[in-house]
Amino acid sequence: SSGINAEYGDGSGVDDPTARHGVWWTVRDIGDVKGSVLLEQRSSTSYIIACEDASVAIGDVREHEAGPDNAEIFTALPGSAADKVALKTGYDKFLTVGVDGSITGRAEAIGSREEFKVVFNSDGFQTLLGCNGRYLTFDKSGSIGCTGQEEKESTHVVIRTRGDKVRKQETLAEKEKKGSAREYEVNYVKLYQKFQDKKLKLSDKGVKDLKAARKEGRFHEEMLDRREKMKSDRYCM
């Protein structure tokens, strides 16, 4: 059918050969890596799955028509550079790279260890580079980690999205330049804070430090510092 192009494509009326189960199509550039995404192991057409114990694994092989499980759907958020993203699991945690290259879904906020550089290949697949400079790799035992020193078949992923094909990626650095420092802080806090009492909790520090950090190019780091301070104060009460 032509439904995929009618809803998401360029109006050509021709089925998108990069699509699976109707709406999940292969990203074309970093601007597509936003919102709900699937991370497919290219060699097996299985998806990375986030487990309840914070580990990650390879899910079952999916037929072309079969839709993904909820645990296989991640939320991609822009990173600190144009070619980087952070990946939030269905458990409201971010994938993070450990010192040994292991990948778990435990982080509550985005830092350097939660960012992955997306590298696009002309053959239609992608690779993900962790903060340690190693490729996300699927090993023969079924484990997943940022351990690969070079790009090869075991590092090939296909990132799929079901969003609008016409979109513009906006990095955190670009967003920082828009609006006031306090407005950006509010938007940043909304990424991780839960609103049980319907009230947004901001740091009691003023915006002076934020403005200085913006000028010095360390705005994101200042936000992380505030985040950690708020967590520490909460547990000390």
C-alpha atoms as a PDB file:
ATOM      1  CA  SER A   1       0.000   0.000   0.000  1.00  0.00           C
ATOM      2  CA  SER A   2       1.006   3.631  -0.214  1.00  0.00           C
ATOM      3  CA  GLY A   3      -0.051   4.508   3.331  1.00  0.00           C
ATOM      4  CA  ILE A   4       3.467   5.087   4.616  1.00  0.00           C
ATOM      5  CA  ASN A   5       4.183   7.837   2.114  1.00  0.00           C
ATOM      6  CA  ALA A   6       0.727   9.297   2.369  1.00  0.00           C
ATOM      7  CA  GLU A   7       1.218   9.809   6.095  1.00  0.00           C
ATOM      8  CA  TYR A   8       4.939  10.419   6.485  1.00  0.00           C
ATOM      9  CA  GLY A   9       6.596  10.787   3.109  1.00  0.00           C
ATOM     10  CA  ASP A  10       6.976  13.138   0.223  1.00  0.00           C
ATOM     11  CA  GLY A  11       3.662  12.457  -1.478  1.00  0.00           C
ATOM     12  CA  SER A  12       5.203  10.314  -4.210  1.00  0.00           C
ATOM     13  CA  GLY A  13       2.655   7.552  -3.669  1.00  0.00           C
ATOM     14  CA  VAL A  14       5.415   4.907  -3.696  1.00  0.00           C
ATOM     15  CA  ASP A  15       5.999   2.635  -0.705  1.00  0.00           C
ATOM     16  CA  ASP A  16       9.095   3.408   1.320  1.00  0.00           C
ATOM     17  CA  PRO A  17      11.406   0.354   1.102  1.00  0.00           C
ATOM     18  CA  THR A  18      13.116   1.414   4.340  1.00  0.00           C
ATOM     19  CA  ALA A  19       9.884   1.135   6.370  1.00  0.00           C
ATOM     20  CA  ARG A  20       8.834  -1.750   8.597  1.00  0.00           C
ATOM     21  CA  HIS A  21       5.423  -2.551  10.045  1.00  0.00           C
ATOM     22  CA  GLY A  22       3.798   0.403   8.361  1.00  0.00           C
ATOM     23  CA  VAL A  23       5.234   3.407  10.135  1.00  0.00           C
ATOM     24  CA  TRP A  24       8.771   2.766  11.401  1.00  0.00           C
ATOM     25  CA  TRP A  25      11.184   3.956   8.714  1.00  0.00           C
ATOM     26  CA  THR A  26      14.967   4.257   8.589  1.00  0.00           C
ATOM     27  CA  VAL A  27      16.321   7.649   9.608  1.00  0.00           C
ATOM     28  CA  ARG A  28      18.168   9.568   6.916  1.00  0.00           C
ATOM     29  CA  ASP A  29      20.122  12.096   8.958  1.00  0.00           C
ATOM     30  CA  ILE A  30      20.519  13.356  12.508  1.00  0.00           C
ATOM     31  CA  GLY A  31      17.435  15.545  12.119  1.00  0.00           C
ATOM     32  CA  ASP A  32      15.315  12.377  12.035  1.00  0.00           C
ATOM     33  CA  VAL A  33      16.702  10.986  15.308  1.00  0.00           C
ATOM     34  CA  LYS A  34      14.164  12.522  17.655  1.00  0.00           C
ATOM     35  CA  GLY A  35      11.164  11.286  19.590  1.00  0.00           C
ATOM     36  CA  SER A  36      10.220   7.593  19.507  1.00  0.00           C
ATOM     37  CA  VAL A  37      12.904   5.422  17.907  1.00  0.00           C
ATOM     38  CA  LEU A  38      13.835   1.764  17.529  1.00  0.00           C
ATOM     39  CA  LEU A  39      17.439   0.510  17.571  1.00  0.00           C
ATOM     40  CA  GLU A  40      17.621  -2.449  15.218  1.00  0.00           C
ATOM     41  CA  GLN A  41      20.514  -4.894  15.035  1.00  0.00           C
ATOM     42  CA  ARG A  42      21.096  -4.800  11.294  1.00  0.00           C
ATOM     43  CA  SER A  43      22.259  -8.400  10.962  1.00  0.00           C
ATOM     44  CA  SER A  44      19.227  -9.939  12.699  1.00  0.00           C
ATOM     45  CA  THR A  45      16.391  -7.380  12.364  1.00  0.00           C
ATOM     46  CA  SER A  46      15.907  -7.644  16.137  1.00  0.00           C
ATOM     47  CA  TYR A  47      15.599  -4.566  18.319  1.00  0.00           C
ATOM     48  CA  ILE A  48      17.493  -3.522  21.435  1.00  0.00           C
ATOM     49  CA  ILE A  49      15.224  -3.893  24.436  1.00  0.00           C
ATOM     50  CA  ALA A  50      15.416  -2.082  27.790  1.00  0.00           C
ATOM     51  CA  CYS A  51      14.904  -4.507  30.664  1.00  0.00           C
ATOM     52  CA  GLU A  52      13.337  -3.782  34.034  1.00  0.00           C
ATOM     53  CA  ASP A  53      16.642  -4.467  35.832  1.00  0.00           C
ATOM     54  CA  ALA A  54      18.247  -1.612  33.825  1.00  0.00           C
ATOM     55  CA  SER A  55      20.157  -3.950  31.503  1.00  0.00           C
ATOM     56  CA  VAL A  56      19.795  -3.911  27.724  1.00  0.00           C
ATOM     57  CA  ALA A  57      19.450  -6.929  25.473  1.00  0.00           C
ATOM     58  CA  ILE A  58      18.394  -8.053  22.003  1.00  0.00           C
ATOM     59  CA  GLY A  59      14.675  -8.694  21.608  1.00  0.00           C
ATOM     60  CA  ASP A  60      12.984 -11.369  19.527  1.00  0.00           C
ATOM     61  CA  VAL A  61      13.263 -11.349  15.750  1.00  0.00           C
ATOM     62  CA  ARG A  62      10.354  -9.333  14.340  1.00  0.00           C
ATOM     63  CA  GLU A  63       8.384 -10.098  11.232  1.00  0.00           C
ATOM     64  CA  HIS A  64       8.006  -7.198   8.819  1.00  0.00           C
ATOM     65  CA  GLU A  65       4.375  -6.669   9.804  1.00  0.00           C
ATOM     66  CA  ALA A  66       4.809  -7.189  13.560  1.00  0.00           C
ATOM     67  CA  GLY A  67       4.943  -4.038  15.658  1.00  0.00           C
ATOM     68  CA  PRO A  68       7.561  -3.457  18.383  1.00  0.00           C
ATOM     69  CA  ASP A  69       7.056  -4.059  22.101  1.00  0.00           C
ATOM     70  CA  ASN A  70       6.948  -1.009  24.358  1.00  0.00           C
ATOM     71  CA  ALA A  71      10.295  -1.975  25.899  1.00  0.00           C
ATOM     72  CA  GLU A  72      11.876  -1.719  22.438  1.00  0.00           C
ATOM     73  CA  ILE A  73      10.835   1.902  21.991  1.00  0.00           C
ATOM     74  CA  PHE A  74      13.289   4.576  23.137  1.00  0.00           C
ATOM     75  CA  THR A  75      12.933   8.348  23.181  1.00  0.00           C
ATOM     76  CA  ALA A  76      15.767  10.201  21.452  1.00  0.00           C
ATOM     77  CA  LEU A  77      16.661  13.633  22.804  1.00  0.00           C
ATOM     78  CA  PRO A  78      19.193  16.103  21.361  1.00  0.00           C
ATOM     79  CA  GLY A  79      22.661  16.073  22.878  1.00  0.00           C
ATOM     80  CA  SER A  80      25.244  18.777  23.428  1.00  0.00           C
ATOM     81  CA  ALA A  81      26.434  18.603  19.814  1.00  0.00           C
ATOM     82  CA  ALA A  82      24.555  18.408  16.524  1.00  0.00           C
ATOM     83  CA  ASP A  83      25.543  14.771  15.905  1.00  0.00           C
ATOM     84  CA  LYS A  84      24.808  13.468  19.417  1.00  0.00           C
ATOM     85  CA  VAL A  85      21.657  12.125  21.064  1.00  0.00           C
ATOM     86  CA  ALA A  86      20.591  10.746  24.424  1.00  0.00           C
ATOM     87  CA  LEU A  87      18.275   7.734  24.612  1.00  0.00           C
ATOM     88  CA  LYS A  88      15.589   7.440  27.273  1.00  0.00           C
ATOM     89  CA  THR A  89      14.049   4.046  28.048  1.00  0.00           C
ATOM     90  CA  GLY A  90      10.425   3.285  28.765  1.00  0.00           C
ATOM     91  CA  TYR A  91      11.393   3.240  32.456  1.00  0.00           C
ATOM     92  CA  ASP A  92      12.166   6.975  32.287  1.00  0.00           C
ATOM     93  CA  LYS A  93      15.934   6.435  32.559  1.00  0.00           C
ATOM     94  CA  PHE A  94      18.710   7.253  30.115  1.00  0.00           C
ATOM     95  CA  LEU A  95      21.109   4.749  28.576  1.00  0.00           C
ATOM     96  CA  THR A  96      24.566   5.340  30.016  1.00  0.00           C
ATOM     97  CA  VAL A  97      28.020   3.980  29.181  1.00  0.00           C
ATOM     98  CA  GLY A  98      30.016   2.612  32.114  1.00  0.00           C
ATOM     99  CA  VAL A  99      33.769   2.865  32.531  1.00  0.00           C
ATOM    100  CA  ASP A 100      34.048  -0.700  31.211  1.00  0.00           C
ATOM    101  CA  GLY A 101      31.940   0.094  28.143  1.00  0.00           C
ATOM    102  CA  SER A 102      28.823  -1.618  29.475  1.00  0.00           C
ATOM    103  CA  ILE A 103      25.473  -0.020  28.686  1.00  0.00           C
ATOM    104  CA  THR A 104      22.700   0.235  31.256  1.00  0.00           C
ATOM    105  CA  GLY A 105      19.520   2.244  31.599  1.00  0.00           C
ATOM    106  CA  ARG A 106      20.016   3.833  35.018  1.00  0.00           C
ATOM    107  CA  ALA A 107      20.775   7.534  34.532  1.00  0.00           C
ATOM    108  CA  GLU A 108      18.199  10.118  35.547  1.00  0.00           C
ATOM    109  CA  ALA A 109      19.757  13.032  33.653  1.00  0.00           C
ATOM    110  CA  ILE A 110      21.856  13.630  30.545  1.00  0.00           C
ATOM    111  CA  GLY A 111      25.617  13.951  30.938  1.00  0.00           C
ATOM    112  CA  SER A 112      28.542  13.059  28.705  1.00  0.00           C
ATOM    113  CA  ARG A 113      28.133   9.328  29.446  1.00  0.00           C
ATOM    114  CA  GLU A 114      24.517   9.440  28.267  1.00  0.00           C
ATOM    115  CA  GLU A 115      25.345  10.895  24.852  1.00  0.00           C
ATOM    116  CA  PHE A 116      25.917   8.824  21.711  1.00  0.00           C
ATOM    117  CA  LYS A 117      27.392  10.140  18.495  1.00  0.00           C
ATOM    118  CA  VAL A 118      25.351   8.943  15.516  1.00  0.00           C
ATOM    119  CA  VAL A 119      27.431   8.115  12.425  1.00  0.00           C
ATOM    120  CA  PHE A 120      25.597   7.594   9.137  1.00  0.00           C
ATOM    121  CA  ASN A 121      26.772   5.142   6.475  1.00  0.00           C
ATOM    122  CA  SER A 122      25.932   5.527   2.794  1.00  0.00           C
ATOM    123  CA  ASP A 123      24.637   1.916   2.754  1.00  0.00           C
ATOM    124  CA  GLY A 124      21.673   2.911   4.933  1.00  0.00           C
ATOM    125  CA  PHE A 125      22.796   1.896   8.415  1.00  0.00           C
ATOM    126  CA  GLN A 126      24.220   3.768  11.381  1.00  0.00           C
ATOM    127  CA  THR A 127      26.763   3.268  14.149  1.00  0.00           C
ATOM    128  CA  LEU A 128      26.672   4.713  17.665  1.00  0.00           C
ATOM    129  CA  LEU A 129      29.817   5.982  19.356  1.00  0.00           C
ATOM    130  CA  GLY A 130      29.855   6.181  23.143  1.00  0.00           C
ATOM    131  CA  CYS A 131      31.646   8.750  25.282  1.00  0.00           C
ATOM    132  CA  ASN A 132      34.619   6.362  25.460  1.00  0.00           C
ATOM    133  CA  GLY A 133      35.173   6.588  21.694  1.00  0.00           C
ATOM    134  CA  ARG A 134      34.064   2.972  21.197  1.00  0.00           C
ATOM    135  CA  TYR A 135      31.272   1.702  18.975  1.00  0.00           C
ATOM    136  CA  LEU A 136      28.092   0.165  20.342  1.00  0.00           C
ATOM    137  CA  THR A 137      28.707  -3.502  19.587  1.00  0.00           C
ATOM    138  CA  PHE A 138      26.656  -6.698  19.617  1.00  0.00           C
ATOM    139  CA  ASP A 139      28.885  -9.569  20.700  1.00  0.00           C
ATOM    140  CA  LYS A 140      28.322 -13.267  20.035  1.00  0.00           C
ATOM    141  CA  SER A 141      27.092 -13.907  23.575  1.00  0.00           C
ATOM    142  CA  GLY A 142      24.213 -11.489  23.037  1.00  0.00           C
ATOM    143  CA  SER A 143      25.511  -8.687  25.231  1.00  0.00           C
ATOM    144  CA  ILE A 144      25.625  -5.063  24.100  1.00  0.00           C
ATOM    145  CA  GLY A 145      28.269  -2.512  25.013  1.00  0.00           C
ATOM    146  CA  CYS A 146      30.391   0.334  23.682  1.00  0.00           C
ATOM    147  CA  THR A 147      33.440  -1.846  23.174  1.00  0.00           C
ATOM    148  CA  GLY A 148      34.155  -1.870  19.428  1.00  0.00           C
ATOM    149  CA  GLN A 149      37.329  -0.120  18.306  1.00  0.00           C
ATOM    150  CA  GLU A 150      36.367  -0.102  14.641  1.00  0.00           C
ATOM    151  CA  GLU A 151      33.285  -0.106  12.466  1.00  0.00           C
ATOM    152  CA  LYS A 152      32.319  -3.629  11.353  1.00  0.00           C
ATOM    153  CA  GLU A 153      29.169  -5.732  10.971  1.00  0.00           C
ATOM    154  CA  SER A 154      28.737  -6.247  14.714  1.00  0.00           C
ATOM    155  CA  THR A 155      28.486  -2.462  15.174  1.00  0.00           C
ATOM    156  CA  HIS A 156      25.838  -1.852  12.518  1.00  0.00           C
ATOM    157  CA  VAL A 157      22.469  -0.585  13.703  1.00  0.00           C
ATOM    158  CA  VAL A 158      19.412   0.714  11.891  1.00  0.00           C
ATOM    159  CA  ILE A 159      17.658   3.520  13.726  1.00  0.00           C
ATOM    160  CA  ARG A 160      13.957   3.694  12.936  1.00  0.00           C
ATOM    161  CA  THR A 161      11.447   6.414  13.703  1.00  0.00           C
ATOM    162  CA  ARG A 162       7.731   6.893  13.183  1.00  0.00           C
ATOM    163  CA  GLY A 163       7.823  10.674  13.278  1.00  0.00           C
ATOM    164  CA  ASP A 164       7.376  13.255  10.567  1.00  0.00           C
ATOM    165  CA  LYS A 165      10.079  12.972   7.920  1.00  0.00           C
ATOM    166  CA  VAL A 166      10.281  16.762   7.676  1.00  0.00           C
ATOM    167  CA  ARG A 167      11.926  18.052  10.839  1.00  0.00           C
ATOM    168  CA  LYS A 168      14.880  20.061  12.028  1.00  0.00           C
ATOM    169  CA  GLN A 169      17.092  18.843  14.824  1.00  0.00           C
ATOM    170  CA  GLU A 170      17.905  21.441  17.441  1.00  0.00           C
ATOM    171  CA  THR A 171      20.860  20.801  19.719  1.00  0.00           C
ATOM    172  CA  LEU A 172      21.027  21.716  23.379  1.00  0.00           C
ATOM    173  CA  ALA A 173      23.648  24.305  22.470  1.00  0.00           C
ATOM    174  CA  GLU A 174      21.226  25.940  20.026  1.00  0.00           C
ATOM    175  CA  LYS A 175      18.370  25.841  22.523  1.00  0.00           C
ATOM    176  CA  GLU A 176      20.558  27.479  25.156  1.00  0.00           C
ATOM    177  CA  LYS A 177      20.808  30.569  22.956  1.00  0.00           C
ATOM    178  CA  LYS A 178      17.036  31.005  22.862  1.00  0.00           C
ATOM    179  CA  GLY A 179      15.033  32.718  25.564  1.00  0.00           C
ATOM    180  CA  SER A 180      16.251  33.537  29.048  1.00  0.00           C
ATOM    181  CA  ALA A 181      18.498  31.370  31.198  1.00  0.00           C
ATOM    182  CA  ARG A 182      15.589  30.652  33.528  1.00  0.00           C
ATOM    183  CA  GLU A 183      13.363  29.564  30.606  1.00  0.00           C
ATOM    184  CA  TYR A 184      15.983  27.075  29.503  1.00  0.00           C
ATOM    185  CA  GLU A 185      16.337  25.784  33.068  1.00  0.00           C
ATOM    186  CA  VAL A 186      12.578  25.167  33.201  1.00  0.00           C
ATOM    187  CA  ASN A 187      12.676  23.234  29.910  1.00  0.00           C
ATOM    188  CA  TYR A 188      15.680  21.202  31.076  1.00  0.00           C
ATOM    189  CA  VAL A 189      14.099  20.282  34.401  1.00  0.00           C
ATOM    190  CA  LYS A 190      10.966  19.093  32.596  1.00  0.00           C
ATOM    191  CA  LEU A 191      13.078  16.393  30.900  1.00  0.00           C
ATOM    192  CA  TYR A 192      13.534  14.444  34.127  1.00  0.00           C
ATOM    193  CA  GLN A 193      11.337  15.816  36.886  1.00  0.00           C
ATOM    194  CA  LYS A 194       8.058  14.101  37.693  1.00  0.00           C
ATOM    195  CA  PHE A 195       5.146  16.278  38.705  1.00  0.00           C
ATOM    196  CA  GLN A 196       3.393  14.315  41.434  1.00  0.00           C
ATOM    197  CA  ASP A 197       2.222  17.514  43.122  1.00  0.00           C
ATOM    198  CA  LYS A 198       1.817  19.464  39.856  1.00  0.00           C
ATOM    199  CA  LYS A 199       4.613  21.800  40.905  1.00  0.00           C
ATOM    200  CA  LEU A 200       7.901  22.281  39.088  1.00  0.00           C
ATOM    201  CA  LYS A 201      10.880  22.322  41.463  1.00  0.00           C
ATOM    202  CA  LEU A 202      13.793  24.535  40.405  1.00  0.00           C
ATOM    203  CA  SER A 203      17.160  25.047  42.026  1.00  0.00           C
ATOM    204  CA  ASP A 204      17.234  27.715  44.731  1.00  0.00           C
ATOM    205  CA  LYS A 205      20.378  29.122  43.137  1.00  0.00           C
ATOM    206  CA  GLY A 206      19.842  32.302  41.144  1.00  0.00           C
ATOM    207  CA  VAL A 207      20.238  32.740  37.405  1.00  0.00           C
ATOM    208  CA  LYS A 208      23.529  34.634  37.738  1.00  0.00           C
ATOM    209  CA  ASP A 209      25.542  31.404  37.595  1.00  0.00           C
ATOM    210  CA  LEU A 210      23.499  30.224  34.603  1.00  0.00           C
ATOM    211  CA  LYS A 211      24.196  33.410  32.669  1.00  0.00           C
ATOM    212  CA  ALA A 212      27.911  33.145  33.416  1.00  0.00           C
ATOM    213  CA  ALA A 213      27.939  29.484  32.359  1.00  0.00           C
ATOM    214  CA  ARG A 214      26.197  30.350  29.089  1.00  0.00           C
ATOM    215  CA  LYS A 215      28.883  32.922  28.250  1.00  0.00           C
ATOM    216  CA  GLU A 216      31.657  30.467  29.114  1.00  0.00           C
ATOM    217  CA  GLY A 217      30.160  27.611  27.073  1.00  0.00           C
ATOM    218  CA  ARG A 218      29.462  25.331  30.049  1.00  0.00           C
ATOM    219  CA  PHE A 219      25.724  25.846  30.390  1.00  0.00           C
ATOM    220  CA  HIS A 220      24.907  22.140  30.188  1.00  0.00           C
ATOM    221  CA  GLU A 221      27.448  21.278  32.902  1.00  0.00           C
ATOM    222  CA  GLU A 222      25.985  23.935  35.201  1.00  0.00           C
ATOM    223  CA  MET A 223      22.524  22.414  34.747  1.00  0.00           C
ATOM    224  CA  LEU A 224      23.877  18.980  35.680  1.00  0.00           C
ATOM    225  CA  ASP A 225      25.528  20.438  38.786  1.00  0.00           C
ATOM    226  CA  ARG A 226      22.209  21.958  39.836  1.00  0.00           C
ATOM    227  CA  ARG A 227      20.470  18.671  39.196  1.00  0.00           C
ATOM    228  CA  GLU A 228      22.903  16.755  41.416  1.00  0.00           C
ATOM    229  CA  LYS A 229      22.689  19.397  44.182  1.00  0.00           C
ATOM    230  CA  MET A 230      18.880  19.165  44.219  1.00  0.00           C
ATOM    231  CA  LYS A 231      19.059  15.359  44.485  1.00  0.00           C
ATOM    232  CA  SER A 232      21.584  15.617  47.351  1.00  0.00           C
ATOM    233  CA  ASP A 233      19.431  18.110  49.262  1.00  0.00           C
ATOM    234  CA  ARG A 234      16.364  15.910  48.849  1.00  0.00           C
ATOM    235  CA  TYR A 235      18.041  12.865  50.335  1.00  0.00           C
ATOM    236  CA  CYS A 236      19.536  14.844  53.218  1.00  0.00           C
ATOM    237  CA  MET A 237      16.168  16.170  54.388  1.00  0.00           C
END
